[in-house]
Amino acid sequence: MEIILRGVFEIYWSTTSGPNVPIFGRFKNSWDKLDQSKYKNGMEDEAVADILTNERAETVTFINNCLQISQPRDDYRELLLLSLAFLNSWSGETFIFKRPGAIHHARWMAKAIYSLKIFMFRDQFHLSLRETNTLRQVCIFVIVFYLKMWYTATSAILAPNNDLELLKKLITYDRVDAAISQKACAKMSEHLWYLNEELAVISLFDSNVSIEIKRKMIEKINSRSASTTMDQRYRVLENEHESFLQKDLSDFVSKQSLELFKKFDLPSDFLEKDILIWSSDENYIECAEYFKALKVTNDVAERGVALIEEYNNYLTKDENQLQYLLQVVREHRQRYPDCLKKSLQ
């Protein structure tokens, strides 16, 4: 999801040799000169309103639901609050903006946060016509596509249906912005890991998937026909976009899908029962609880790396000392591989 946002952003803001995004630096340096009480929400822009009016109510509901959940980082919450203000749906008193933060390319969420902020101060911060149009397109992408896909990306059971519906939506967005549609589709097509025979079956536990689609999936899984020879990662070529719009999740499952249950040593006999009684079936409940607890791996790993880096910075900022520290930790782990008393003795 980071790659998709970066790809869309770079359609209009070409990459630079420097570590920072120049317009973000300009905005950060001008922050103290802006009257934060006189911002203009995105819906006051006619072009934005034309596209977002139909999306607004559903998006606001989604944002408010996300705000009820504890967010792992401050910028996750900031993006949600900014989006509410952008959609003219801030229900509190005067909206308080956070001071602009990191602007380097590695902070991918900064591309979304800064774009929304700058566009809301478009009357006070000097922008060329090209910059205004560019920011408008990025902001629309963030609201229409990025919010939902980012804040649901950690859920494994939502991933197959989310990826399928997102790619369909990106394909049809060609009528609004062909450049964004083409770039985002190309990036998304390289990361459809969940649209394969083994992982797509997890969507049986997704309440957003209709019963009709689930019945088609079960019929395909229980059929005696041979398993398809689908690659581990599904790819959608540009000339296949129209035919892809006709697909549903049943096109990505087969008898091979049962391997997922075997690998996790989970029962799958509930597939032979009527879907309407699954909610009371012990085996279905066991599988549902297990898969709902699964998180997308690299998201958890990146948070772990961030915690390690933060901890290391508290200990020392000297590179030589850090390397010595890593050697000490390694030796300690070799001497004491666990926390048992017999190891200490």
Protein backbone atom coordinates (compact mmCIF):
# COMPACT_ATOMS: atom_id res chain seq x y z
CA MET A 1 0.00 0.00 0.00
CA GLU A 2 2.97 2.31 0.58
CA ILE A 3 4.20 1.51 -2.94
CA ILE A 4 0.83 2.39 -4.48
CA LEU A 5 0.66 5.77 -2.74
CA ARG A 6 4.23 6.56 -3.73
CA GLY A 7 3.54 5.54 -7.33
CA VAL A 8 0.50 7.82 -7.56
CA PHE A 9 2.36 10.70 -5.92
CA GLU A 10 5.27 10.39 -8.34
CA ILE A 11 2.96 10.73 -11.37
CA TYR A 12 2.77 14.44 -10.61
CA TRP A 13 5.75 15.01 -8.32
CA SER A 14 8.77 13.47 -10.00
CA THR A 15 11.40 11.92 -7.74
CA THR A 16 14.38 14.07 -6.80
CA SER A 17 17.93 13.18 -5.91
CA GLY A 18 17.47 14.78 -2.50
CA PRO A 19 15.90 13.02 0.49
CA ASN A 20 13.00 15.49 0.86
CA VAL A 21 9.97 16.62 -1.16
CA PRO A 22 10.65 20.32 -1.99
CA ILE A 23 7.04 21.59 -1.77
CA PHE A 24 6.69 19.99 1.67
CA GLY A 25 9.79 21.86 2.81
CA ARG A 26 8.35 25.15 1.54
CA PHE A 27 5.10 24.52 3.38
CA LYS A 28 6.87 23.54 6.59
CA ASN A 29 8.93 26.75 6.52
CA SER A 30 5.78 28.83 5.94
CA TRP A 31 3.72 27.17 8.67
CA ASP A 32 4.11 29.89 11.32
CA LYS A 33 2.85 32.53 8.87
CA LEU A 34 -0.46 30.76 8.20
CA ASP A 35 -3.70 31.52 10.02
CA GLN A 36 -4.75 28.01 11.00
CA SER A 37 -8.32 29.09 11.72
CA LYS A 38 -8.84 30.16 8.09
CA TYR A 39 -8.40 26.91 6.22
CA LYS A 40 -10.74 25.83 3.40
CA ASN A 41 -12.02 22.27 3.40
CA GLY A 42 -11.79 20.19 0.25
CA MET A 43 -15.54 20.20 -0.40
CA GLU A 44 -15.36 23.95 -1.09
CA ASP A 45 -13.48 23.07 -4.26
CA GLU A 46 -15.96 22.36 -7.04
CA ALA A 47 -13.85 19.69 -8.75
CA VAL A 48 -13.29 17.84 -5.47
CA ALA A 49 -16.96 18.07 -4.50
CA ASP A 50 -18.08 16.64 -7.85
CA ILE A 51 -16.10 13.45 -7.21
CA LEU A 52 -16.38 13.09 -3.43
CA THR A 53 -20.02 13.96 -2.79
CA ASN A 54 -21.23 10.41 -3.44
CA GLU A 55 -18.33 8.93 -1.45
CA ARG A 56 -18.53 11.32 1.47
CA ALA A 57 -21.10 9.72 3.80
CA GLU A 58 -19.60 6.24 3.57
CA THR A 59 -16.07 7.57 4.00
CA VAL A 60 -16.97 9.65 7.06
CA THR A 61 -18.59 6.61 8.68
CA PHE A 62 -15.46 4.56 7.98
CA ILE A 63 -13.19 7.25 9.44
CA ASN A 64 -15.27 7.58 12.61
CA ASN A 65 -15.18 3.80 13.07
CA CYS A 66 -11.39 3.83 12.72
CA LEU A 67 -11.12 6.62 15.30
CA GLN A 68 -12.87 4.37 17.82
CA ILE A 69 -9.91 2.00 17.55
CA SER A 70 -6.54 2.71 19.11
CA GLN A 71 -4.14 3.63 16.29
CA PRO A 72 -0.55 2.38 16.52
CA ARG A 73 1.03 5.71 15.58
CA ASP A 74 0.16 9.39 15.85
CA ASP A 75 0.34 9.98 12.09
CA TYR A 76 -2.27 7.24 11.52
CA ARG A 77 -4.70 9.18 13.70
CA GLU A 78 -3.67 12.53 12.21
CA LEU A 79 -4.51 11.35 8.69
CA LEU A 80 -7.99 10.28 9.83
CA LEU A 81 -8.67 13.62 11.52
CA LEU A 82 -7.35 15.61 8.55
CA SER A 83 -9.61 13.62 6.24
CA LEU A 84 -12.64 14.52 8.36
CA ALA A 85 -11.72 18.20 8.16
CA PHE A 86 -11.08 17.89 4.42
CA LEU A 87 -14.57 16.41 3.95
CA ASN A 88 -16.11 19.22 6.02
CA SER A 89 -17.25 16.65 8.59
CA TRP A 90 -15.32 17.84 11.64
CA SER A 91 -17.95 18.01 14.39
CA GLY A 92 -15.81 19.44 17.19
CA GLU A 93 -14.79 23.01 17.85
CA THR A 94 -12.02 24.71 15.86
CA PHE A 95 -9.91 22.11 14.12
CA ILE A 96 -6.36 22.06 15.46
CA PHE A 97 -3.65 21.21 12.95
CA LYS A 98 -0.47 19.47 14.04
CA ARG A 99 2.77 21.17 13.11
CA PRO A 100 4.16 19.70 9.86
CA GLY A 101 6.56 16.86 10.61
CA ALA A 102 9.04 14.73 8.66
CA ILE A 103 9.18 15.44 4.93
CA HIS A 104 11.65 12.83 3.63
CA HIS A 105 10.59 10.19 1.11
CA ALA A 106 10.81 7.35 3.64
CA ARG A 107 7.82 8.79 5.52
CA TRP A 108 5.30 7.60 2.96
CA MET A 109 2.28 8.77 4.99
CA ALA A 110 3.69 12.31 4.88
CA LYS A 111 2.71 12.37 1.19
CA ALA A 112 -0.94 11.98 2.16
CA ILE A 113 -0.85 14.21 5.26
CA TYR A 114 1.04 17.07 3.60
CA SER A 115 -1.12 16.95 0.46
CA LEU A 116 -4.32 17.34 2.49
CA LYS A 117 -2.85 20.10 4.67
CA ILE A 118 -1.42 22.11 1.81
CA PHE A 119 -4.63 21.92 -0.21
CA MET A 120 -6.67 23.15 2.76
CA PHE A 121 -4.37 26.19 2.99
CA ARG A 122 -4.38 26.79 -0.78
CA ASP A 123 -5.56 30.40 -0.33
CA GLN A 124 -2.75 31.32 2.06
CA PHE A 125 0.16 29.24 0.77
CA HIS A 126 1.39 30.23 -2.68
CA LEU A 127 0.77 27.48 -5.23
CA SER A 128 1.09 27.48 -8.98
CA LEU A 129 -1.89 26.30 -11.03
CA ARG A 130 -0.08 23.04 -11.75
CA GLU A 131 0.67 22.46 -8.06
CA THR A 132 -2.96 23.12 -7.12
CA ASN A 133 -4.26 20.68 -9.73
CA THR A 134 -1.69 18.08 -8.70
CA LEU A 135 -2.52 18.33 -5.00
CA ARG A 136 -6.22 18.09 -5.83
CA GLN A 137 -5.73 14.76 -7.63
CA VAL A 138 -3.57 13.31 -4.84
CA CYS A 139 -6.10 14.38 -2.19
CA ILE A 140 -8.97 12.78 -4.09
CA PHE A 141 -6.98 9.55 -4.40
CA VAL A 142 -6.24 9.56 -0.67
CA ILE A 143 -9.92 9.99 0.25
CA VAL A 144 -11.45 7.70 -2.38
CA PHE A 145 -8.93 4.87 -2.29
CA TYR A 146 -6.13 5.13 0.23
CA LEU A 147 -7.96 5.55 3.52
CA LYS A 148 -9.91 2.31 3.38
CA MET A 149 -7.17 0.20 1.88
CA TRP A 150 -4.56 1.42 4.37
CA TYR A 151 -6.61 1.12 7.56
CA THR A 152 -7.90 -2.37 6.69
CA ALA A 153 -4.61 -3.67 5.28
CA THR A 154 -3.55 -5.49 8.45
CA SER A 155 -6.53 -7.89 8.39
CA ALA A 156 -5.82 -11.17 6.61
CA ILE A 157 -9.49 -12.17 6.26
CA LEU A 158 -10.39 -8.85 4.60
CA ALA A 159 -7.44 -8.91 2.21
CA PRO A 160 -8.76 -11.10 -0.66
CA ASN A 161 -12.03 -9.22 -1.10
CA ASN A 162 -10.39 -5.84 -0.42
CA ASP A 163 -7.72 -6.45 -3.05
CA LEU A 164 -10.24 -7.65 -5.61
CA GLU A 165 -12.64 -4.73 -5.09
CA LEU A 166 -9.82 -2.19 -4.92
CA LEU A 167 -8.36 -3.27 -8.23
CA LYS A 168 -11.81 -3.17 -9.87
CA LYS A 169 -12.36 0.32 -8.50
CA LEU A 170 -8.95 1.47 -9.74
CA ILE A 171 -9.69 0.10 -13.21
CA THR A 172 -13.01 1.99 -13.46
CA TYR A 173 -11.30 5.17 -12.15
CA ASP A 174 -9.83 5.43 -15.65
CA ARG A 175 -12.88 7.57 -16.52
CA VAL A 176 -11.87 10.14 -13.89
CA ASP A 177 -8.07 10.13 -14.01
CA ALA A 178 -6.43 7.80 -16.52
CA ALA A 179 -2.89 8.44 -15.22
CA ILE A 180 -3.70 7.50 -11.63
CA SER A 181 -5.75 4.52 -12.73
CA GLN A 182 -2.97 3.14 -14.90
CA LYS A 183 -0.17 3.70 -12.37
CA ALA A 184 -2.08 2.41 -9.35
CA CYS A 185 -3.34 -0.66 -11.25
CA ALA A 186 0.20 -1.48 -12.37
CA LYS A 187 1.50 -1.25 -8.78
CA MET A 188 -1.45 -3.15 -7.31
CA SER A 189 -1.16 -5.92 -9.90
CA GLU A 190 2.31 -6.73 -8.57
CA HIS A 191 0.98 -7.39 -5.06
CA LEU A 192 -2.10 -9.58 -5.39
CA TRP A 193 -0.74 -12.24 -3.06
CA TYR A 194 -4.13 -12.98 -1.53
CA LEU A 195 -5.85 -13.72 -4.84
CA ASN A 196 -4.64 -17.30 -5.16
CA GLU A 197 -6.13 -20.71 -4.47
CA GLU A 198 -4.90 -21.07 -0.91
CA LEU A 199 -5.34 -17.59 0.54
CA ALA A 200 -8.53 -16.45 -1.21
CA VAL A 201 -10.49 -19.01 0.83
CA ILE A 202 -9.92 -16.88 3.97
CA SER A 203 -12.62 -14.54 2.67
CA LEU A 204 -15.21 -17.15 3.72
CA PHE A 205 -14.81 -15.56 7.15
CA ASP A 206 -15.27 -12.00 5.84
CA SER A 207 -18.72 -10.64 6.68
CA ASN A 208 -18.46 -8.18 3.77
CA VAL A 209 -18.59 -11.02 1.24
CA SER A 210 -22.14 -11.91 0.23
CA ILE A 211 -23.66 -15.32 0.92
CA GLU A 212 -24.14 -15.80 -2.83
CA ILE A 213 -20.42 -15.40 -3.50
CA LYS A 214 -19.56 -17.69 -0.59
CA ARG A 215 -21.90 -20.36 -1.97
CA LYS A 216 -20.13 -20.14 -5.33
CA MET A 217 -16.77 -20.48 -3.56
CA ILE A 218 -17.90 -23.56 -1.65
CA GLU A 219 -19.27 -25.16 -4.81
CA LYS A 220 -15.94 -24.58 -6.53
CA ILE A 221 -13.95 -25.95 -3.59
CA ASN A 222 -16.12 -29.05 -3.23
CA SER A 223 -16.20 -29.79 -6.94
CA ARG A 224 -14.38 -32.86 -8.22
CA SER A 225 -12.77 -30.99 -11.04
CA ALA A 226 -9.02 -30.77 -11.03
CA SER A 227 -7.29 -27.89 -9.32
CA THR A 228 -6.29 -24.98 -11.52
CA THR A 229 -2.65 -24.17 -12.09
CA MET A 230 -2.71 -20.65 -10.70
CA ASP A 231 0.60 -18.99 -9.86
CA GLN A 232 1.31 -18.09 -6.26
CA ARG A 233 0.86 -14.43 -7.17
CA TYR A 234 -2.01 -13.51 -9.47
CA ARG A 235 -1.21 -10.95 -12.17
CA VAL A 236 -3.55 -8.77 -14.19
CA LEU A 237 -2.27 -7.56 -17.54
CA GLU A 238 -3.47 -4.20 -18.85
CA ASN A 239 -5.32 -5.84 -21.75
CA GLU A 240 -7.23 -8.01 -19.25
CA HIS A 241 -8.79 -5.16 -17.26
CA GLU A 242 -12.26 -5.41 -18.80
CA SER A 243 -12.52 -9.18 -18.27
CA PHE A 244 -11.18 -8.81 -14.72
CA LEU A 245 -14.18 -6.65 -13.80
CA GLN A 246 -16.41 -9.73 -14.25
CA LYS A 247 -14.49 -11.83 -11.73
CA ASP A 248 -15.51 -12.63 -8.17
CA LEU A 249 -13.77 -14.54 -5.37
CA SER A 250 -15.01 -17.91 -6.63
CA ASP A 251 -12.63 -17.49 -9.59
CA PHE A 252 -9.66 -17.76 -7.23
CA VAL A 253 -10.49 -20.93 -5.27
CA SER A 254 -10.40 -24.66 -6.04
CA LYS A 255 -9.87 -27.98 -4.25
CA GLN A 256 -6.34 -26.71 -3.61
CA SER A 257 -7.84 -24.15 -1.24
CA LEU A 258 -8.32 -26.89 1.37
CA GLU A 259 -4.53 -26.98 1.81
CA LEU A 260 -4.76 -23.84 3.92
CA PHE A 261 -6.77 -25.65 6.58
CA LYS A 262 -4.35 -28.59 6.52
CA LYS A 263 -1.30 -26.38 6.93
CA PHE A 264 -2.80 -24.73 10.01
CA ASP A 265 -4.21 -28.03 11.27
CA LEU A 266 -7.75 -26.64 11.27
CA PRO A 267 -11.05 -28.44 10.50
CA SER A 268 -12.78 -27.78 7.19
CA ASP A 269 -15.80 -30.10 7.43
CA PHE A 270 -18.10 -27.08 7.96
CA LEU A 271 -17.77 -26.51 4.19
CA GLU A 272 -20.08 -29.48 3.68
CA LYS A 273 -22.82 -27.87 5.76
CA ASP A 274 -25.34 -25.15 4.93
CA ILE A 275 -23.72 -21.74 5.17
CA LEU A 276 -26.69 -20.42 7.17
CA ILE A 277 -25.79 -22.62 10.17
CA TRP A 278 -22.08 -21.84 10.16
CA SER A 279 -22.43 -19.29 12.95
CA SER A 280 -23.34 -22.10 15.36
CA ASP A 281 -20.85 -24.64 14.05
CA GLU A 282 -17.92 -25.19 16.44
CA ASN A 283 -15.40 -25.91 13.70
CA TYR A 284 -16.35 -22.80 11.74
CA ILE A 285 -16.09 -20.69 14.91
CA GLU A 286 -12.65 -22.17 15.65
CA CYS A 287 -11.39 -21.31 12.15
CA ALA A 288 -12.97 -17.84 12.20
CA GLU A 289 -11.30 -16.94 15.50
CA TYR A 290 -7.95 -18.23 14.26
CA PHE A 291 -7.94 -16.40 10.93
CA LYS A 292 -9.34 -13.17 12.38
CA ALA A 293 -6.32 -13.05 14.68
CA LEU A 294 -3.89 -13.23 11.75
CA LYS A 295 -2.10 -10.00 10.92
CA VAL A 296 -0.26 -9.02 7.77
CA THR A 297 3.34 -9.94 8.51
CA ASN A 298 5.42 -7.04 7.26
CA ASP A 299 3.26 -4.46 9.08
CA VAL A 300 4.04 -6.12 12.42
CA ALA A 301 7.69 -6.56 11.42
CA GLU A 302 8.09 -2.89 10.49
CA ARG A 303 6.68 -1.80 13.84
CA GLY A 304 9.15 -4.14 15.52
CA VAL A 305 12.04 -2.64 13.56
CA ALA A 306 10.85 0.88 14.47
CA LEU A 307 10.76 -0.03 18.17
CA ILE A 308 14.25 -1.52 17.97
CA GLU A 309 15.63 1.60 16.26
CA GLU A 310 13.97 3.86 18.81
CA TYR A 311 15.36 1.79 21.68
CA ASN A 312 18.86 1.80 20.16
CA ASN A 313 18.78 5.59 19.86
CA TYR A 314 18.08 5.87 23.56
CA LEU A 315 21.17 3.75 24.33
CA THR A 316 23.65 5.42 21.98
CA LYS A 317 23.80 7.55 18.86
CA ASP A 318 27.42 6.65 18.16
CA GLU A 319 27.67 4.16 15.28
CA ASN A 320 30.79 2.43 16.67
CA GLN A 321 29.17 1.96 20.06
CA LEU A 322 26.03 0.63 18.37
CA GLN A 323 28.08 -2.02 16.54
CA TYR A 324 29.76 -3.02 19.82
CA LEU A 325 26.34 -3.21 21.45
CA LEU A 326 25.03 -5.55 18.75
CA GLN A 327 28.02 -7.84 19.31
CA VAL A 328 27.40 -7.87 23.06
CA VAL A 329 23.73 -8.75 22.54
CA ARG A 330 24.65 -11.52 20.11
CA GLU A 331 27.15 -13.05 22.53
CA HIS A 332 24.65 -12.81 25.38
CA ARG A 333 22.02 -14.65 23.34
CA GLN A 334 24.49 -17.40 22.55
CA ARG A 335 25.36 -17.82 26.22
CA TYR A 336 21.80 -17.55 27.47
CA PRO A 337 19.41 -18.77 24.72
CA ASP A 338 16.41 -18.77 27.06
CA CYS A 339 15.16 -17.44 30.40
CA LEU A 340 15.37 -20.69 32.35
CA LYS A 341 17.14 -20.88 35.72
CA LYS A 342 19.27 -23.82 34.58
CA SER A 343 20.73 -21.61 31.83
CA LEU A 344 21.78 -18.99 34.37
CA GLN A 345 23.34 -21.70 36.58
